[in-house]
Structure formats: structure tokens, C-alpha cells
């Protein structure tokens, strides 16, 4: 019998065993009860030690929030990824991971303000720092990935090692508990961004890149299976060359990549199908069509994956709308689904170009609704819905058998930039929605504040 990840989690905490989730895609959804919402100010500082007299700066010690989030039952800490830093890859930034204490009520699951216990900087064994700068700015060569790093997915092994998925490559790395690089996993060739001449290009957009991951749409979530012998990463969106007109922006077909942990090799890829934009546009019939054809595989995407067993997972699918550094329309789609790999086709050697549909002999992963996050937030009276819900983590067991589950937002450090690359702080009046941009690290105008990081707590009964 396959042991579920939740069962393993509980056993590691010496708690009573939890029955594994049902093994079919028709398993009923767990019962999710929203406990509370905690916002952390964007100006919160992490635990990076700076020389005395160094002023606080966004790219030196500002807490970057939840590009991914996971809980380690072996030490009781939560771990959160900062991504490539403020400024969209054009500011020098030492990429890092945050170790957190998150207080919670063991009966209700209500959470308190997270406390940053430790900040881990990523580096090679020679001490060279990974950096959030894009490869062209860091290396002077868009074809050289080097130490450019955009951490977006996180898993923790039983040995305490960090497995981190990077969006630039896309890449997967293994680090020691102190953040030193141990190895890089081999990226399947069909995912690597290449121009029409077949040359690697880790920086350009679809005007230049014609194969591989879309720009800024690489690996977005990462998890270990229950047995701890395989890693699974999700792409955020379809590959550039796939779908009708060989334009990934029109496709629903997102790839899930599987690696053997011991060898570091990947031999399997599976298809996850995004929700159709026609269904999303129908959510609010009073508005014009909210998403155009090219939004299908660009403005809808996957943000997180979390194993329930060796073959079943929770995934977070969302639009790119809500409270963020850019002004967007009202959000329509932020949901958790339960998926199963059983019966899904291995498409590692298959192209999905030329059509938005799947070939008759290709079967996508089974997918069933688990949680409508938007509905839960609105039922709780939430006014502002974070744009980028990107972290999803199953935490400790509560009294009564439920589990604490956290969903976290990436606030982009509350920093945006002009087309020329100049950086600005984004300040918002939360009551009126009025915005202002101020110089990087400057104070916000009276009545306005930077966009916070958000944690949403749920008490979840997986025993159904």
C-alpha cells in the first residue's frame, strides 16, 4: 500500500497515523475551513546580517515572501522562498530562503504573525553567491545561465537538504541545510528556451524564443512524493512551441516533470490541463470576456504542488489578478485541485505542438476540484485578494485530527519597474485603491502603504 505524505508527516511527529487519501481522482475533496488571514508588512526585515551602519534596503534585507512555502515536521519550522528579488531580475540580489516560526492555536488552527528565525543564502561550495540578476546582466550573455537564480519551488528531503526549482533555466538544484550547492538536476531538453537558430536564450521573450519554457514561466512549484524517491516540478504555463499556431499562450497543456531523486534523471512528463478560459469568462456574465485566446496559457497558470501520496497531489491554479504591484482586473480564478497521475500518459518524448487539444492517445492527469480560494476569502469578508498566491503547504496536525494548511502570497517586494528598468516602490491606499510610486526605499505618502505578504490559514480534514 502506498503511504501518503500526510501519513509520513504524522509518523515523523510520532502522532497517530492518518489514513491515506483515496487513490482515484473521484476521491471527495477534503473539508477546508478558513481559520484566519495574516498580513505581514512589506518592510519586514529578514535575518541577513549586514555590516554596522548599513541602511535598510529592499535588495539587501527586505523579507521576500512566499514564492513557495513548506513545513518540515522534523524540526517544526516553516520554510519560505524569496524569489529573484525586487525589480524583476534587474537588481543585484543574493537569493535566499527564510526559516520561520509561525504560531498557531492547536485546536482552531488560527495562526499568528510569522517570525523569521534564520535566513539562508544560496551559494556554491566555493562560496560564490547565486544572484537574482538575469543571465544577460549577471554574465553578459543571455545564453549562459551561470549563477542567475529565480527560486520558485521548494521541497525538503528527509536529510534536511533543500530542493529548489528555478524559473530562469528552468532548473532544479539540491542544497545543503546551510544553502551550499550539492548538485544540479538535468533539465529535459524540450524545456530549455532556444531561439530559431537553436541557441539557448534565458532572457528574451517570444519574439526571440521559439522553443522551451515561456519567458518568466518556468518551474513554479516543487514537491517530493511520499516515498521520498521522486521529485515533481510544475511548469507555470505551456511551452512556447506547443498549442495552436505553435503559441503556448493559447494552450491549456502544462507539463509536470518527474525526476528520480537518486540519479537526478528525468524520464517522465505528464500533462495537466488548465481550466478553459471560456469557463472563467462565464463566471461573471455581466462583464465582457475577461480573458482573450492568448491569455489561456499565459494569464492562467500553476503556482504550487504538494504531494498527498506517491501518485496524488494538490496543485494551486490561479489567474494573475488581484492586489499586486500592477493594476489588474478583479480576480476570477484561484483554486486548489487534487490530481492523480494514475493512467496519465508519459509525454516526455511527445510534442504537443499544432493543437490546443490533446492527441487521442494522450491522457492528462485526472483532476478534481478541492478548494475555491476566492469563495473562501470572500465568505470571510476579505476585501483585497492577493494577486500571486504561490505557496501551498500542509503543516502540523491539530487537535481533533485536522491539519493546518497555509497558502501564501508573493508580494513582489512591493516593487515594480519602468520599461527602462528604473525601480519604484508601490504604495497603495487600501480603502480607496489609490496608488503612488516612490523611489526605491523611500517612504510611502501618508495614508498609503506597501503591498503586504499574506498568509491564509485553513483547518483541513483529509480523512474523508
Protein backbone atom coordinates (compact mmCIF):
# COMPACT_ATOMS: atom_id res chain seq x y z
CA UNK A 1 0.00 0.00 0.00
CA UNK A 2 1.30 3.45 -0.86
CA UNK A 3 1.88 5.51 2.24
CA UNK A 4 0.58 9.06 1.96
CA UNK A 5 2.78 12.09 2.52
CA UNK A 6 0.44 13.11 5.31
CA UNK A 7 0.87 9.75 6.99
CA UNK A 8 4.64 10.11 6.71
CA UNK A 9 4.43 13.59 8.17
CA UNK A 10 2.47 12.35 11.15
CA UNK A 11 4.67 9.35 11.74
CA UNK A 12 7.71 11.62 11.77
CA UNK A 13 5.97 13.61 14.50
CA UNK A 14 5.12 10.41 16.43
CA UNK A 15 1.41 11.15 16.01
CA UNK A 16 -1.37 8.64 15.26
CA UNK A 17 -1.48 7.54 11.65
CA UNK A 18 -3.75 9.30 9.16
CA UNK A 19 -5.48 7.21 6.52
CA UNK A 20 -4.12 7.82 3.03
CA UNK A 21 -6.35 9.77 0.65
CA UNK A 22 -8.44 7.71 -1.73
CA UNK A 23 -6.44 6.53 -4.73
CA UNK A 24 -8.77 7.70 -7.50
CA UNK A 25 -9.47 11.11 -8.94
CA UNK A 26 -13.05 10.72 -7.70
CA UNK A 27 -11.99 10.92 -4.05
CA UNK A 28 -14.12 13.51 -2.27
CA UNK A 29 -12.48 16.80 -1.51
CA UNK A 30 -11.20 17.35 1.99
CA UNK A 31 -13.10 19.72 4.27
CA UNK A 32 -11.36 23.11 4.25
CA UNK A 33 -12.27 25.67 6.91
CA UNK A 34 -10.64 29.09 6.71
CA UNK A 35 -9.22 30.00 10.11
CA UNK A 36 -7.82 33.50 9.60
CA UNK A 37 -5.73 35.76 7.36
CA UNK A 38 -2.45 37.31 8.49
CA UNK A 39 -0.78 40.19 6.65
CA UNK A 40 2.90 40.99 7.20
CA UNK A 41 4.19 44.47 6.31
CA UNK A 42 6.29 44.61 3.17
CA UNK A 43 9.03 46.45 5.05
CA UNK A 44 9.66 43.47 7.36
CA UNK A 45 13.37 42.65 7.54
CA UNK A 46 14.84 39.20 7.31
CA UNK A 47 17.75 37.79 9.31
CA UNK A 48 20.57 38.71 6.92
CA UNK A 49 23.44 40.22 8.91
CA UNK A 50 24.67 43.47 7.41
CA UNK A 51 27.75 45.46 8.41
CA UNK A 52 27.05 48.02 11.16
CA UNK A 53 25.71 51.26 9.77
CA UNK A 54 24.32 49.72 6.57
CA UNK A 55 20.89 51.24 5.85
CA UNK A 56 17.90 49.04 5.22
CA UNK A 57 17.48 48.42 1.50
CA UNK A 58 14.95 46.40 -0.48
CA UNK A 59 17.63 44.32 -2.18
CA UNK A 60 19.69 43.71 0.98
CA UNK A 61 17.44 42.65 3.83
CA UNK A 62 13.78 43.06 2.97
CA UNK A 63 11.72 39.92 3.66
CA UNK A 64 10.71 38.40 0.33
CA UNK A 65 7.51 36.48 0.87
CA UNK A 66 6.05 33.20 -0.23
CA UNK A 67 7.15 32.25 -3.73
CA UNK A 68 6.85 28.85 -2.14
CA UNK A 69 6.27 27.57 1.37
CA UNK A 70 6.77 24.21 3.04
CA UNK A 71 6.65 22.76 6.53
CA UNK A 72 9.33 20.46 7.94
CA UNK A 73 7.84 18.18 10.63
CA UNK A 74 11.33 17.10 11.69
CA UNK A 75 12.20 20.49 13.17
CA UNK A 76 8.81 22.22 13.39
CA UNK A 77 9.86 25.15 11.20
CA UNK A 78 8.19 26.56 8.12
CA UNK A 79 10.47 27.45 5.20
CA UNK A 80 9.67 30.19 2.68
CA UNK A 81 11.34 31.07 -0.58
CA UNK A 82 12.16 34.55 -1.69
CA UNK A 83 12.38 34.64 -5.48
CA UNK A 84 14.88 36.60 -7.60
CA UNK A 85 14.36 39.73 -5.54
CA UNK A 86 12.85 43.16 -6.09
CA UNK A 87 12.91 44.59 -9.57
CA UNK A 88 12.19 41.68 -11.90
CA UNK A 89 15.75 40.43 -12.24
CA UNK A 90 17.47 43.76 -12.84
CA UNK A 91 18.70 44.48 -9.29
CA UNK A 92 21.64 42.70 -7.68
CA UNK A 93 20.14 40.38 -5.04
CA UNK A 94 21.58 37.44 -3.10
CA UNK A 95 18.90 34.75 -3.41
CA UNK A 96 17.77 33.21 -0.14
CA UNK A 97 15.42 31.09 1.93
CA UNK A 98 13.71 32.05 5.19
CA UNK A 99 13.22 29.77 8.20
CA UNK A 100 10.08 30.77 10.09
CA UNK A 101 8.25 30.18 13.32
CA UNK A 102 4.53 30.56 12.74
CA UNK A 103 2.49 30.47 15.96
CA UNK A 104 -0.86 28.68 15.80
CA UNK A 105 -3.69 27.53 18.02
CA UNK A 106 -3.57 23.75 18.19
CA UNK A 107 -7.33 23.48 18.44
CA UNK A 108 -8.65 26.04 15.95
CA UNK A 109 -5.66 26.37 13.62
CA UNK A 110 -5.67 30.17 13.83
CA UNK A 111 -2.20 31.50 13.05
CA UNK A 112 -0.20 34.47 14.31
CA UNK A 113 2.42 36.74 12.80
CA UNK A 114 5.38 34.74 11.39
CA UNK A 115 8.78 35.32 13.00
CA UNK A 116 11.91 34.99 10.87
CA UNK A 117 14.28 32.69 12.72
CA UNK A 118 17.05 32.36 10.13
CA UNK A 119 17.90 33.47 6.59
CA UNK A 120 19.85 31.03 4.39
CA UNK A 121 21.76 32.44 1.40
CA UNK A 122 22.27 30.17 -1.62
CA UNK A 123 25.84 29.64 -2.81
CA UNK A 124 28.21 27.18 -4.46
CA UNK A 125 30.61 25.14 -2.36
CA UNK A 126 33.30 27.64 -3.37
CA UNK A 127 31.24 30.36 -1.72
CA UNK A 128 30.05 32.06 -4.92
CA UNK A 129 26.62 33.57 -4.37
CA UNK A 130 23.61 32.81 -6.52
CA UNK A 131 22.05 36.03 -7.75
CA UNK A 132 18.63 37.20 -8.86
CA UNK A 133 20.03 39.22 -11.77
CA UNK A 134 19.01 37.81 -15.13
CA UNK A 135 21.74 35.98 -17.08
CA UNK A 136 22.41 38.83 -19.52
CA UNK A 137 23.01 41.32 -16.71
CA UNK A 138 24.91 38.89 -14.49
CA UNK A 139 27.01 37.15 -17.13
CA UNK A 140 26.87 39.47 -20.13
CA UNK A 141 25.46 36.55 -22.13
CA UNK A 142 21.81 35.54 -22.46
CA UNK A 143 22.91 32.01 -23.38
CA UNK A 144 24.80 31.47 -20.12
CA UNK A 145 22.70 30.66 -17.05
CA UNK A 146 25.63 30.70 -14.63
CA UNK A 147 24.58 31.66 -11.11
CA UNK A 148 21.41 33.51 -12.17
CA UNK A 149 18.69 32.11 -9.95
CA UNK A 150 14.95 32.70 -9.62
CA UNK A 151 13.84 30.30 -6.83
CA UNK A 152 10.13 29.47 -7.11
CA UNK A 153 9.58 25.91 -5.80
CA UNK A 154 10.79 24.23 -2.60
CA UNK A 155 10.90 20.74 -1.12
CA UNK A 156 12.83 19.43 1.90
CA UNK A 157 14.32 15.96 1.98
CA UNK A 158 14.47 13.66 4.99
CA UNK A 159 18.17 14.52 5.23
CA UNK A 160 17.30 18.21 5.60
CA UNK A 161 18.52 19.08 2.12
CA UNK A 162 16.69 21.77 0.17
CA UNK A 163 15.46 21.02 -3.34
CA UNK A 164 14.76 24.25 -5.17
CA UNK A 165 13.10 24.82 -8.55
CA UNK A 166 14.32 27.80 -10.56
CA UNK A 167 12.33 29.70 -13.17
CA UNK A 168 15.23 31.06 -15.22
CA UNK A 169 16.51 27.73 -16.51
CA UNK A 170 14.23 26.12 -15.73
CA UNK A 171 16.42 24.22 -13.27
CA UNK A 172 16.27 22.11 -10.12
CA UNK A 173 19.08 22.23 -7.55
CA UNK A 174 19.92 20.42 -4.33
CA UNK A 175 21.42 22.41 -1.45
CA UNK A 176 22.75 21.53 1.98
CA UNK A 177 20.86 22.86 5.05
CA UNK A 178 23.34 25.78 5.01
CA UNK A 179 22.48 26.69 1.43
CA UNK A 180 25.56 25.27 -0.31
CA UNK A 181 25.01 23.70 -3.74
CA UNK A 182 25.35 19.92 -3.95
CA UNK A 183 24.14 19.21 -7.48
CA UNK A 184 22.02 20.39 -10.38
CA UNK A 185 19.45 18.03 -11.85
CA UNK A 186 19.43 17.53 -15.62
CA UNK A 187 16.77 19.73 -17.27
CA UNK A 188 14.90 17.91 -20.06
CA UNK A 189 15.95 19.37 -23.42
CA UNK A 190 12.41 20.23 -24.54
CA UNK A 191 12.03 22.71 -21.64
CA UNK A 192 15.15 24.79 -22.39
CA UNK A 193 14.48 28.16 -24.08
CA UNK A 194 16.01 28.38 -27.56
CA UNK A 195 15.82 30.82 -30.44
CA UNK A 196 15.11 29.94 -34.08
CA UNK A 197 18.78 29.05 -34.59
CA UNK A 198 18.64 26.56 -31.72
CA UNK A 199 20.76 28.69 -29.41
CA UNK A 200 19.97 28.99 -25.71
CA UNK A 201 18.40 32.28 -24.64
CA UNK A 202 17.41 32.57 -20.97
CA UNK A 203 16.32 36.21 -21.20
CA UNK A 204 14.33 37.00 -24.35
CA UNK A 205 10.56 36.77 -24.82
CA UNK A 206 8.51 35.01 -27.51
CA UNK A 207 9.70 37.43 -30.19
CA UNK A 208 13.01 35.57 -30.00
CA UNK A 209 12.47 32.33 -28.04
CA UNK A 210 10.56 29.79 -30.13
CA UNK A 211 11.13 26.58 -28.14
CA UNK A 212 11.08 25.67 -24.46
CA UNK A 213 9.61 27.48 -21.50
CA UNK A 214 7.94 30.83 -22.00
CA UNK A 215 9.74 33.87 -20.58
CA UNK A 216 9.09 34.13 -16.83
CA UNK A 217 7.03 30.92 -16.99
CA UNK A 218 9.48 28.22 -15.93
CA UNK A 219 9.28 25.93 -12.90
CA UNK A 220 6.88 27.33 -10.34
CA UNK A 221 6.29 24.55 -7.78
CA UNK A 222 8.19 21.52 -6.47
CA UNK A 223 7.41 18.57 -4.19
CA UNK A 224 8.80 15.21 -3.10
CA UNK A 225 6.47 12.23 -3.30
CA UNK A 226 5.50 10.31 -0.16
CA UNK A 227 8.24 7.72 -0.57
CA UNK A 228 10.84 10.45 -0.90
CA UNK A 229 12.42 8.99 -4.01
CA UNK A 230 10.95 11.24 -6.72
CA UNK A 231 10.69 14.97 -7.29
CA UNK A 232 7.85 16.62 -9.20
CA UNK A 233 8.06 20.13 -10.62
CA UNK A 234 5.26 22.01 -12.35
CA UNK A 235 5.77 24.46 -15.16
CA UNK A 236 3.78 27.62 -14.69
CA UNK A 237 2.40 27.55 -18.25
CA UNK A 238 2.61 25.62 -21.53
CA UNK A 239 5.82 25.51 -23.56
CA UNK A 240 6.36 28.23 -26.14
CA UNK A 241 6.13 25.88 -29.14
CA UNK A 242 3.02 23.99 -28.04
CA UNK A 243 -0.63 24.64 -28.85
CA UNK A 244 -2.32 26.06 -31.93
CA UNK A 245 -0.12 28.32 -34.05
CA UNK A 246 2.74 26.89 -32.01
CA UNK A 247 1.92 29.56 -29.44
CA UNK A 248 1.90 28.30 -25.85
CA UNK A 249 -0.23 31.28 -24.84
CA UNK A 250 -3.25 29.59 -26.44
CA UNK A 251 -2.70 26.15 -24.93
CA UNK A 252 -4.15 24.56 -21.78
CA UNK A 253 -1.48 21.87 -21.57
CA UNK A 254 1.06 22.36 -18.77
CA UNK A 255 3.81 19.84 -18.08
CA UNK A 256 4.58 18.18 -14.75
CA UNK A 257 8.16 16.88 -14.67
CA UNK A 258 9.29 13.82 -12.69
CA UNK A 259 12.88 13.11 -11.55
CA UNK A 260 14.43 10.12 -9.88
CA UNK A 261 15.99 11.58 -6.74
CA UNK A 262 18.96 9.23 -6.59
CA UNK A 263 20.12 9.52 -10.21
CA UNK A 264 18.89 13.04 -10.87
CA UNK A 265 17.45 11.92 -14.20
CA UNK A 266 14.05 12.73 -15.60
CA UNK A 267 12.27 10.14 -17.71
CA UNK A 268 8.62 11.18 -17.33
CA UNK A 269 6.46 14.21 -18.05
CA UNK A 270 2.71 14.45 -17.59
CA UNK A 271 0.06 16.85 -18.88
CA UNK A 272 -2.04 19.00 -16.59
CA UNK A 273 -4.90 20.86 -18.32
CA UNK A 274 -5.67 24.39 -17.19
CA UNK A 275 -9.29 25.44 -16.83
CA UNK A 276 -10.73 26.72 -20.16
CA UNK A 277 -10.91 30.50 -20.41
CA UNK A 278 -14.49 30.16 -21.71
CA UNK A 279 -15.46 28.76 -18.30
CA UNK A 280 -13.59 31.52 -16.48
CA UNK A 281 -15.15 34.24 -18.64
CA UNK A 282 -18.58 32.82 -17.76
CA UNK A 283 -18.01 33.27 -14.02
CA UNK A 284 -19.26 36.86 -14.24
CA UNK A 285 -21.70 37.08 -17.18
CA UNK A 286 -22.19 40.82 -16.58
CA UNK A 287 -18.69 41.64 -17.86
CA UNK A 288 -17.12 41.45 -21.29
CA UNK A 289 -14.98 38.39 -21.92
CA UNK A 290 -12.24 38.78 -19.35
CA UNK A 291 -9.57 36.63 -20.99
CA UNK A 292 -8.67 36.55 -24.67
CA UNK A 293 -7.38 33.49 -26.52
CA UNK A 294 -3.73 34.30 -25.81
CA UNK A 295 -4.44 34.65 -22.08
CA UNK A 296 -5.23 30.93 -21.82
CA UNK A 297 -1.64 29.76 -21.44
CA UNK A 298 -0.19 32.99 -20.08
CA UNK A 299 -2.57 34.65 -17.61
CA UNK A 300 -3.77 31.34 -16.12
CA UNK A 301 -1.15 29.04 -14.63
CA UNK A 302 0.09 26.73 -11.89
CA UNK A 303 1.81 28.14 -8.81
CA UNK A 304 2.35 25.24 -6.38
CA UNK A 305 2.25 21.46 -5.98
CA UNK A 306 2.15 19.38 -2.77
CA UNK A 307 2.21 15.58 -2.60
CA UNK A 308 -0.56 13.67 -0.83
CA UNK A 309 0.85 10.25 -1.78
CA UNK A 310 3.14 8.78 -4.40
CA UNK A 311 0.62 9.49 -7.16
CA UNK A 312 -1.77 12.12 -5.79
CA UNK A 313 -1.07 15.82 -5.35
CA UNK A 314 -2.66 19.14 -4.57
CA UNK A 315 -1.96 21.90 -7.09
CA UNK A 316 -2.73 25.61 -6.98
CA UNK A 317 -4.07 27.12 -10.21
CA UNK A 318 -4.67 30.87 -10.46
CA UNK A 319 -5.10 33.93 -12.63
CA UNK A 320 -2.71 36.89 -12.41
CA UNK A 321 -5.24 39.34 -10.99
CA UNK A 322 -5.72 40.92 -7.59
CA UNK A 323 -3.75 43.13 -5.22
CA UNK A 324 -0.22 43.34 -6.62
CA UNK A 325 2.40 45.72 -7.94
CA UNK A 326 0.46 46.25 -11.18
CA UNK A 327 -3.14 47.44 -11.55
CA UNK A 328 -5.22 44.44 -12.65
CA UNK A 329 -8.84 43.49 -13.14
CA UNK A 330 -10.78 41.74 -10.40
CA UNK A 331 -9.60 38.16 -9.80
CA UNK A 332 -11.77 35.33 -11.10
CA UNK A 333 -9.81 32.15 -10.57
CA UNK A 334 -7.73 30.98 -7.61
CA UNK A 335 -8.36 27.33 -6.81
CA UNK A 336 -6.77 24.20 -5.41
CA UNK A 337 -7.25 20.94 -7.30
CA UNK A 338 -6.48 17.34 -6.43
CA UNK A 339 -4.76 15.46 -9.24
CA UNK A 340 -3.74 11.85 -9.83
CA UNK A 341 -1.01 10.53 -12.11
CA UNK A 342 -2.67 7.12 -12.36
CA UNK A 343 -3.43 6.42 -16.00
CA UNK A 344 -1.74 9.62 -17.20
CA UNK A 345 0.43 9.36 -20.32
CA UNK A 346 4.17 9.93 -20.23
CA UNK A 347 4.76 12.71 -22.80
CA UNK A 348 8.50 13.14 -22.24
CA UNK A 349 9.11 12.21 -25.88
CA UNK A 350 5.95 13.79 -27.30
CA UNK A 351 5.39 17.21 -28.83
CA UNK A 352 2.04 18.88 -28.20
CA UNK A 353 2.51 21.45 -30.96
CA UNK A 354 -0.12 22.30 -33.55
CA UNK A 355 -3.26 21.92 -31.47
CA UNK A 356 -4.75 23.08 -28.19
CA UNK A 357 -6.35 19.67 -27.78
CA UNK A 358 -4.52 16.50 -26.79
CA UNK A 359 -3.86 13.63 -29.21
CA UNK A 360 -6.39 10.82 -28.78
CA UNK A 361 -3.77 8.51 -27.24
CA UNK A 362 -2.54 11.06 -24.68
CA UNK A 363 -4.28 11.16 -21.30
CA UNK A 364 -3.86 14.11 -18.98
CA UNK A 365 -3.65 13.75 -15.21
CA UNK A 366 -7.03 13.28 -13.54
CA UNK A 367 -8.17 16.50 -11.89
CA UNK A 368 -10.91 17.27 -9.35
CA UNK A 369 -11.87 20.49 -7.50
CA UNK A 370 -10.58 20.74 -3.95
CA UNK A 371 -10.96 24.38 -2.81
CA UNK A 372 -12.22 27.65 -4.29
CA UNK A 373 -9.87 30.07 -2.53
CA UNK A 374 -11.68 33.16 -3.81
CA UNK A 375 -15.01 31.95 -2.46
CA UNK A 376 -13.46 31.15 0.92
CA UNK A 377 -11.87 34.60 1.16
CA UNK A 378 -15.00 36.43 0.12
CA UNK A 379 -17.12 34.43 2.53
CA UNK A 380 -14.72 35.56 5.25
CA UNK A 381 -15.21 39.20 4.24
CA UNK A 382 -11.75 39.69 2.73
CA UNK A 383 -11.56 42.95 0.81
CA UNK A 384 -8.24 42.58 -1.02
CA UNK A 385 -7.36 39.32 -2.77
CA UNK A 386 -3.60 38.90 -3.31
CA UNK A 387 -2.64 38.57 -6.95
CA UNK A 388 0.09 35.97 -6.57
CA UNK A 389 -0.96 33.10 -4.32
CA UNK A 390 2.11 30.92 -4.79
CA UNK A 391 2.84 28.94 -1.61
CA UNK A 392 0.83 25.88 -0.51
CA UNK A 393 1.96 23.77 2.45
CA UNK A 394 0.41 21.11 4.67
CA UNK A 395 1.52 21.71 8.23
CA UNK A 396 1.14 20.06 11.63
CA UNK A 397 -1.82 18.07 12.87
CA UNK A 398 -4.35 19.91 15.01
CA UNK A 399 -6.31 18.52 17.92
CA UNK A 400 -9.25 16.58 16.54
CA UNK A 401 -7.36 15.22 13.52
CA UNK A 402 -7.42 18.14 11.11
CA UNK A 403 -4.27 19.64 9.64
CA UNK A 404 -3.11 23.21 9.43
CA UNK A 405 -2.66 24.20 5.76
CA UNK A 406 -1.21 27.55 4.72
CA UNK A 407 -1.47 29.38 1.42
CA UNK A 408 0.90 32.31 0.99
CA UNK A 409 1.27 35.21 -1.41
CA UNK A 410 4.27 36.64 -3.23
CA UNK A 411 4.05 40.43 -3.00
CA UNK A 412 7.00 41.10 -5.38
CA UNK A 413 8.64 43.07 -2.54
CA UNK A 414 6.08 45.78 -3.41
CA UNK A 415 8.50 46.93 -6.12
CA UNK A 416 7.86 47.49 -9.81
CA UNK A 417 9.87 48.96 -12.68
CA UNK A 418 9.57 51.02 -15.83
CA UNK A 419 10.34 49.57 -19.24
CA UNK A 420 13.77 51.15 -18.93
CA UNK A 421 14.41 49.23 -15.72
CA UNK A 422 14.04 52.03 -13.18
CA UNK A 423 12.70 50.68 -9.87
CA UNK A 424 9.87 52.10 -7.78
CA UNK A 425 8.14 51.25 -4.53
CA UNK A 426 4.39 50.66 -4.93
CA UNK A 427 2.25 52.34 -2.25
CA UNK A 428 -1.50 51.73 -2.01
CA UNK A 429 -4.38 53.27 -0.09
CA UNK A 430 -6.18 50.06 0.85
CA UNK A 431 -9.51 51.86 1.37
CA UNK A 432 -9.69 53.78 -1.92
CA UNK A 433 -7.30 51.77 -4.08
CA UNK A 434 -5.36 54.92 -4.95
CA UNK A 435 -1.73 54.22 -5.77
CA UNK A 436 1.55 56.07 -5.75
CA UNK A 437 5.08 55.18 -6.81
CA UNK A 438 8.06 56.45 -4.84
CA UNK A 439 11.79 56.00 -5.24
CA UNK A 440 13.22 52.66 -4.13
CA UNK A 441 13.49 52.54 -0.32
CA UNK A 442 11.72 55.89 0.11
CA UNK A 443 8.76 56.34 2.47
CA UNK A 444 5.19 55.96 1.25
CA UNK A 445 2.89 59.03 1.24
CA UNK A 446 0.57 59.45 4.22
CA UNK A 447 -2.37 57.05 4.13
CA UNK A 448 -0.62 54.62 1.79
CA UNK A 449 1.47 51.55 2.48
CA UNK A 450 3.41 48.94 0.56
CA UNK A 451 1.67 45.73 -0.51
CA UNK A 452 1.97 43.18 2.32
CA UNK A 453 2.73 39.50 2.27
CA UNK A 454 -0.29 37.36 3.12
CA UNK A 455 -0.78 34.00 4.82
CA UNK A 456 -4.19 32.32 4.66
CA UNK A 457 -4.76 29.59 7.26
CA UNK A 458 -7.07 26.61 6.84
CA UNK A 459 -8.01 23.74 9.14
CA UNK A 460 -8.37 20.79 6.77
CA UNK A 461 -9.87 17.37 7.37
CA UNK A 462 -8.19 14.95 4.94
CA UNK A 463 -9.92 11.89 6.44
CA UNK A 464 -12.96 11.93 4.17
